[in-house]
């Protein structure tokens, strides 16, 4: 589930958090780097910078685990793009 789609139908931050929290318990999703990217985007939209950073790092961790398991390089383009946008959006006190 893309955060952009979810946020267009659910406007309650607590419900969005609950949605991602429940999905994170399913190993199939928990192991997907882009799942963490979407949760990162939700946290960034809520200005929850520490959680956003944590979930972005979880995306990188999941990418490394994918590489180890699959034996092939994971394309980090989306993670890198989001990281750049995230760093640019951080308020000076949070950087």
N, C-alpha and C. Protein backbone atom coordinates (compact mmCIF):
# COMPACT_ATOMS: atom_id res chain seq x y z
N UNK A 1 0.85 -1.18 0.00
CA UNK A 1 0.00 0.00 0.00
C UNK A 1 0.88 1.23 0.00
N UNK A 2 0.66 2.08 -0.96
CA UNK A 2 1.40 3.33 -1.03
C UNK A 2 0.80 4.33 -0.05
N UNK A 3 1.69 5.03 0.62
CA UNK A 3 1.24 6.04 1.57
C UNK A 3 0.38 7.10 0.88
N UNK A 4 0.75 7.49 -0.32
CA UNK A 4 -0.01 8.54 -1.02
C UNK A 4 -1.45 8.11 -1.27
N UNK A 5 -1.67 6.84 -1.52
CA UNK A 5 -3.03 6.34 -1.73
C UNK A 5 -3.75 6.25 -0.39
N UNK A 6 -3.08 5.67 0.61
CA UNK A 6 -3.68 5.52 1.93
C UNK A 6 -4.09 6.88 2.50
N UNK A 7 -3.22 7.86 2.38
CA UNK A 7 -3.52 9.18 2.95
C UNK A 7 -4.65 9.89 2.22
N UNK A 8 -4.95 9.46 1.01
CA UNK A 8 -6.07 10.09 0.29
C UNK A 8 -7.43 9.58 0.76
N UNK A 9 -7.43 8.45 1.47
CA UNK A 9 -8.70 7.90 1.97
C UNK A 9 -8.78 7.86 3.49
N UNK A 10 -7.65 7.96 4.17
CA UNK A 10 -7.61 7.96 5.64
C UNK A 10 -6.89 9.22 6.08
N UNK A 11 -7.58 10.06 6.84
CA UNK A 11 -6.94 11.32 7.25
C UNK A 11 -6.57 11.34 8.73
N UNK A 12 -6.77 10.26 9.43
CA UNK A 12 -6.44 10.17 10.85
C UNK A 12 -5.05 9.55 11.00
N UNK A 13 -4.12 10.33 11.54
CA UNK A 13 -2.74 9.86 11.68
C UNK A 13 -2.64 8.59 12.52
N UNK A 14 -3.45 8.49 13.57
CA UNK A 14 -3.41 7.30 14.43
C UNK A 14 -3.84 6.06 13.66
N UNK A 15 -4.80 6.20 12.78
CA UNK A 15 -5.26 5.06 11.97
C UNK A 15 -4.20 4.66 10.95
N UNK A 16 -3.53 5.63 10.38
CA UNK A 16 -2.45 5.33 9.44
C UNK A 16 -1.33 4.59 10.17
N UNK A 17 -0.99 5.07 11.36
CA UNK A 17 0.03 4.40 12.16
C UNK A 17 -0.39 2.97 12.48
N UNK A 18 -1.64 2.80 12.88
CA UNK A 18 -2.15 1.46 13.21
C UNK A 18 -2.09 0.54 11.99
N UNK A 19 -2.43 1.06 10.83
CA UNK A 19 -2.38 0.29 9.59
C UNK A 19 -0.97 -0.25 9.35
N UNK A 20 0.01 0.64 9.38
CA UNK A 20 1.39 0.21 9.14
C UNK A 20 1.89 -0.71 10.25
N UNK A 21 1.51 -0.44 11.48
CA UNK A 21 1.94 -1.29 12.59
C UNK A 21 1.43 -2.71 12.40
N UNK A 22 0.17 -2.86 12.02
CA UNK A 22 -0.38 -4.20 11.80
C UNK A 22 0.31 -4.91 10.65
N UNK A 23 0.56 -4.21 9.59
CA UNK A 23 1.22 -4.82 8.43
C UNK A 23 2.66 -5.23 8.78
N UNK A 24 3.30 -4.46 9.64
CA UNK A 24 4.69 -4.76 9.99
C UNK A 24 4.84 -6.11 10.68
N UNK A 25 3.76 -6.64 11.18
CA UNK A 25 3.80 -7.94 11.87
C UNK A 25 3.83 -9.12 10.88
N UNK A 26 3.55 -8.85 9.61
CA UNK A 26 3.55 -9.89 8.58
C UNK A 26 4.95 -9.93 7.96
N UNK A 27 5.62 -11.07 8.09
CA UNK A 27 7.02 -11.14 7.66
C UNK A 27 7.21 -10.80 6.18
N UNK A 28 6.26 -11.16 5.34
CA UNK A 28 6.38 -10.85 3.91
C UNK A 28 6.58 -9.35 3.72
N UNK A 29 5.80 -8.55 4.41
CA UNK A 29 5.90 -7.10 4.27
C UNK A 29 7.08 -6.56 5.06
N UNK A 30 7.30 -7.09 6.24
CA UNK A 30 8.38 -6.65 7.11
C UNK A 30 9.74 -6.75 6.41
N UNK A 31 9.88 -7.71 5.51
CA UNK A 31 11.13 -7.93 4.81
C UNK A 31 11.29 -7.07 3.55
N UNK A 32 10.29 -6.31 3.19
CA UNK A 32 10.32 -5.53 1.95
C UNK A 32 10.83 -4.10 2.22
N UNK A 33 11.93 -3.73 1.57
CA UNK A 33 12.46 -2.37 1.77
C UNK A 33 11.44 -1.27 1.49
N UNK A 34 10.60 -1.47 0.48
CA UNK A 34 9.66 -0.41 0.12
C UNK A 34 8.51 -0.28 1.12
N UNK A 35 8.24 -1.33 1.90
CA UNK A 35 7.27 -1.20 2.99
C UNK A 35 7.77 -0.15 3.97
N UNK A 36 9.05 -0.25 4.35
CA UNK A 36 9.63 0.69 5.30
C UNK A 36 9.69 2.09 4.71
N UNK A 37 9.89 2.16 3.43
CA UNK A 37 9.90 3.46 2.75
C UNK A 37 8.53 4.14 2.89
N UNK A 38 7.47 3.38 2.70
CA UNK A 38 6.12 3.94 2.81
C UNK A 38 5.82 4.40 4.24
N UNK A 39 6.24 3.61 5.21
CA UNK A 39 6.01 3.99 6.60
C UNK A 39 6.85 5.23 6.94
N UNK A 40 8.04 5.28 6.39
CA UNK A 40 8.88 6.48 6.55
C UNK A 40 8.14 7.71 6.02
N UNK A 41 7.53 7.58 4.86
CA UNK A 41 6.83 8.71 4.26
C UNK A 41 5.67 9.16 5.14
N UNK A 42 4.97 8.21 5.75
CA UNK A 42 3.87 8.56 6.65
C UNK A 42 4.40 9.34 7.85
N UNK A 43 5.52 8.90 8.41
CA UNK A 43 6.08 9.58 9.57
C UNK A 43 6.61 10.97 9.19
N UNK A 44 7.20 11.08 8.03
CA UNK A 44 7.69 12.39 7.57
C UNK A 44 6.52 13.35 7.37
N UNK A 45 5.42 12.87 6.84
CA UNK A 45 4.24 13.71 6.63
C UNK A 45 3.66 14.18 7.97
N UNK A 46 3.83 13.36 9.00
CA UNK A 46 3.35 13.72 10.34
C UNK A 46 4.41 14.53 11.12
N UNK A 47 5.53 14.82 10.47
CA UNK A 47 6.64 15.57 11.08
C UNK A 47 7.24 14.83 12.28
N UNK A 48 7.15 13.52 12.24
CA UNK A 48 7.74 12.68 13.28
C UNK A 48 9.11 12.25 12.77
N UNK A 49 10.06 13.18 12.85
CA UNK A 49 11.36 13.05 12.20
C UNK A 49 12.17 11.85 12.67
N UNK A 50 12.18 11.58 13.97
CA UNK A 50 12.98 10.45 14.46
C UNK A 50 12.46 9.12 13.95
N UNK A 51 11.12 8.96 13.99
CA UNK A 51 10.52 7.73 13.47
C UNK A 51 10.74 7.63 11.96
N UNK A 52 10.61 8.74 11.27
CA UNK A 52 10.82 8.74 9.81
C UNK A 52 12.24 8.28 9.49
N UNK A 53 13.20 8.79 10.24
CA UNK A 53 14.59 8.39 10.02
C UNK A 53 14.78 6.90 10.34
N UNK A 54 14.18 6.46 11.43
CA UNK A 54 14.29 5.04 11.83
C UNK A 54 13.74 4.12 10.75
N UNK A 55 12.59 4.45 10.20
CA UNK A 55 11.97 3.59 9.20
C UNK A 55 12.72 3.64 7.87
N UNK A 56 13.30 4.78 7.55
CA UNK A 56 14.12 4.84 6.34
C UNK A 56 15.35 3.93 6.50
N UNK A 57 15.95 3.96 7.68
CA UNK A 57 17.09 3.07 7.94
C UNK A 57 16.66 1.60 7.90
N UNK A 58 15.46 1.31 8.36
CA UNK A 58 14.95 -0.06 8.28
C UNK A 58 14.82 -0.49 6.81
N UNK A 59 14.49 0.46 5.93
CA UNK A 59 14.44 0.16 4.51
C UNK A 59 15.80 -0.26 3.98
N UNK A 60 16.84 0.46 4.40
CA UNK A 60 18.20 0.09 4.00
C UNK A 60 18.61 -1.26 4.58
N UNK A 61 18.21 -1.52 5.82
CA UNK A 61 18.50 -2.81 6.45
C UNK A 61 17.82 -3.94 5.70
N UNK A 62 16.56 -3.72 5.33
CA UNK A 62 15.81 -4.73 4.56
C UNK A 62 16.45 -4.94 3.18
N UNK A 63 16.96 -3.88 2.58
CA UNK A 63 17.63 -4.00 1.27
C UNK A 63 18.89 -4.85 1.40
N UNK A 64 19.66 -4.64 2.48
CA UNK A 64 20.86 -5.44 2.70
C UNK A 64 20.51 -6.91 2.93
N UNK A 65 19.43 -7.15 3.68
CA UNK A 65 18.99 -8.52 3.92
C UNK A 65 18.53 -9.18 2.62
N UNK A 66 17.86 -8.41 1.77
CA UNK A 66 17.43 -8.91 0.46
C UNK A 66 18.64 -9.36 -0.35
N UNK A 67 19.67 -8.51 -0.36
CA UNK A 67 20.89 -8.83 -1.12
C UNK A 67 21.53 -10.11 -0.61
N UNK A 68 21.59 -10.25 0.69
CA UNK A 68 22.20 -11.44 1.27
C UNK A 68 21.38 -12.69 0.95
N UNK A 69 20.07 -12.57 1.03
CA UNK A 69 19.18 -13.71 0.78
C UNK A 69 19.11 -14.07 -0.70
N UNK A 70 19.00 -13.07 -1.56
CA UNK A 70 18.81 -13.30 -2.99
C UNK A 70 20.12 -13.40 -3.77
N UNK A 71 21.19 -12.88 -3.19
CA UNK A 71 22.47 -12.92 -3.88
C UNK A 71 22.57 -11.97 -5.05
N UNK A 72 21.74 -10.94 -5.03
CA UNK A 72 21.78 -9.93 -6.09
C UNK A 72 21.61 -8.54 -5.48
N UNK A 73 22.11 -7.54 -6.17
CA UNK A 73 22.07 -6.17 -5.67
C UNK A 73 20.65 -5.64 -5.68
N UNK A 74 20.26 -4.99 -4.59
CA UNK A 74 18.94 -4.36 -4.51
C UNK A 74 19.06 -2.93 -5.04
N UNK A 75 18.14 -2.54 -5.88
CA UNK A 75 18.14 -1.19 -6.45
C UNK A 75 17.62 -0.21 -5.38
N UNK A 76 18.51 0.60 -4.88
CA UNK A 76 18.19 1.53 -3.80
C UNK A 76 17.77 2.91 -4.31
N UNK A 77 17.45 3.03 -5.57
CA UNK A 77 17.12 4.34 -6.15
C UNK A 77 16.02 5.05 -5.37
N UNK A 78 14.93 4.35 -5.07
CA UNK A 78 13.82 4.99 -4.35
C UNK A 78 14.22 5.36 -2.92
N UNK A 79 15.00 4.49 -2.28
CA UNK A 79 15.47 4.81 -0.93
C UNK A 79 16.37 6.04 -0.94
N UNK A 80 17.27 6.10 -1.91
CA UNK A 80 18.18 7.24 -2.00
C UNK A 80 17.43 8.53 -2.31
N UNK A 81 16.46 8.45 -3.19
CA UNK A 81 15.66 9.62 -3.54
C UNK A 81 14.93 10.15 -2.31
N UNK A 82 14.31 9.25 -1.56
CA UNK A 82 13.57 9.64 -0.37
C UNK A 82 14.51 10.19 0.70
N UNK A 83 15.69 9.60 0.82
CA UNK A 83 16.65 10.09 1.81
C UNK A 83 17.03 11.53 1.51
N UNK A 84 17.26 11.83 0.25
CA UNK A 84 17.61 13.20 -0.14
C UNK A 84 16.46 14.16 0.18
N UNK A 85 15.23 13.76 -0.14
CA UNK A 85 14.07 14.61 0.15
C UNK A 85 13.88 14.78 1.65
N UNK A 86 14.11 13.71 2.39
CA UNK A 86 13.98 13.75 3.83
C UNK A 86 14.99 14.71 4.44
N UNK A 87 16.24 14.60 4.04
CA UNK A 87 17.27 15.48 4.58
C UNK A 87 16.99 16.95 4.23
N UNK A 88 16.46 17.18 3.06
CA UNK A 88 16.13 18.55 2.66
C UNK A 88 14.95 19.10 3.44
N UNK A 89 14.04 18.23 3.88
CA UNK A 89 12.83 18.66 4.59
C UNK A 89 13.05 18.84 6.09
N UNK A 90 14.13 18.27 6.62
CA UNK A 90 14.36 18.36 8.07
C UNK A 90 14.49 19.81 8.51
N UNK A 91 13.82 20.15 9.59
CA UNK A 91 14.03 21.50 10.13
C UNK A 91 15.44 21.58 10.72
N UNK A 92 16.04 22.75 10.77
CA UNK A 92 17.43 22.88 11.24
C UNK A 92 17.68 22.25 12.61
N UNK A 93 16.75 22.33 13.53
CA UNK A 93 16.94 21.77 14.87
C UNK A 93 16.97 20.25 14.86
N UNK A 94 16.32 19.60 13.86
CA UNK A 94 16.25 18.15 13.80
C UNK A 94 17.42 17.55 13.04
N UNK A 95 18.14 18.35 12.28
CA UNK A 95 19.23 17.84 11.45
C UNK A 95 20.44 17.46 12.27
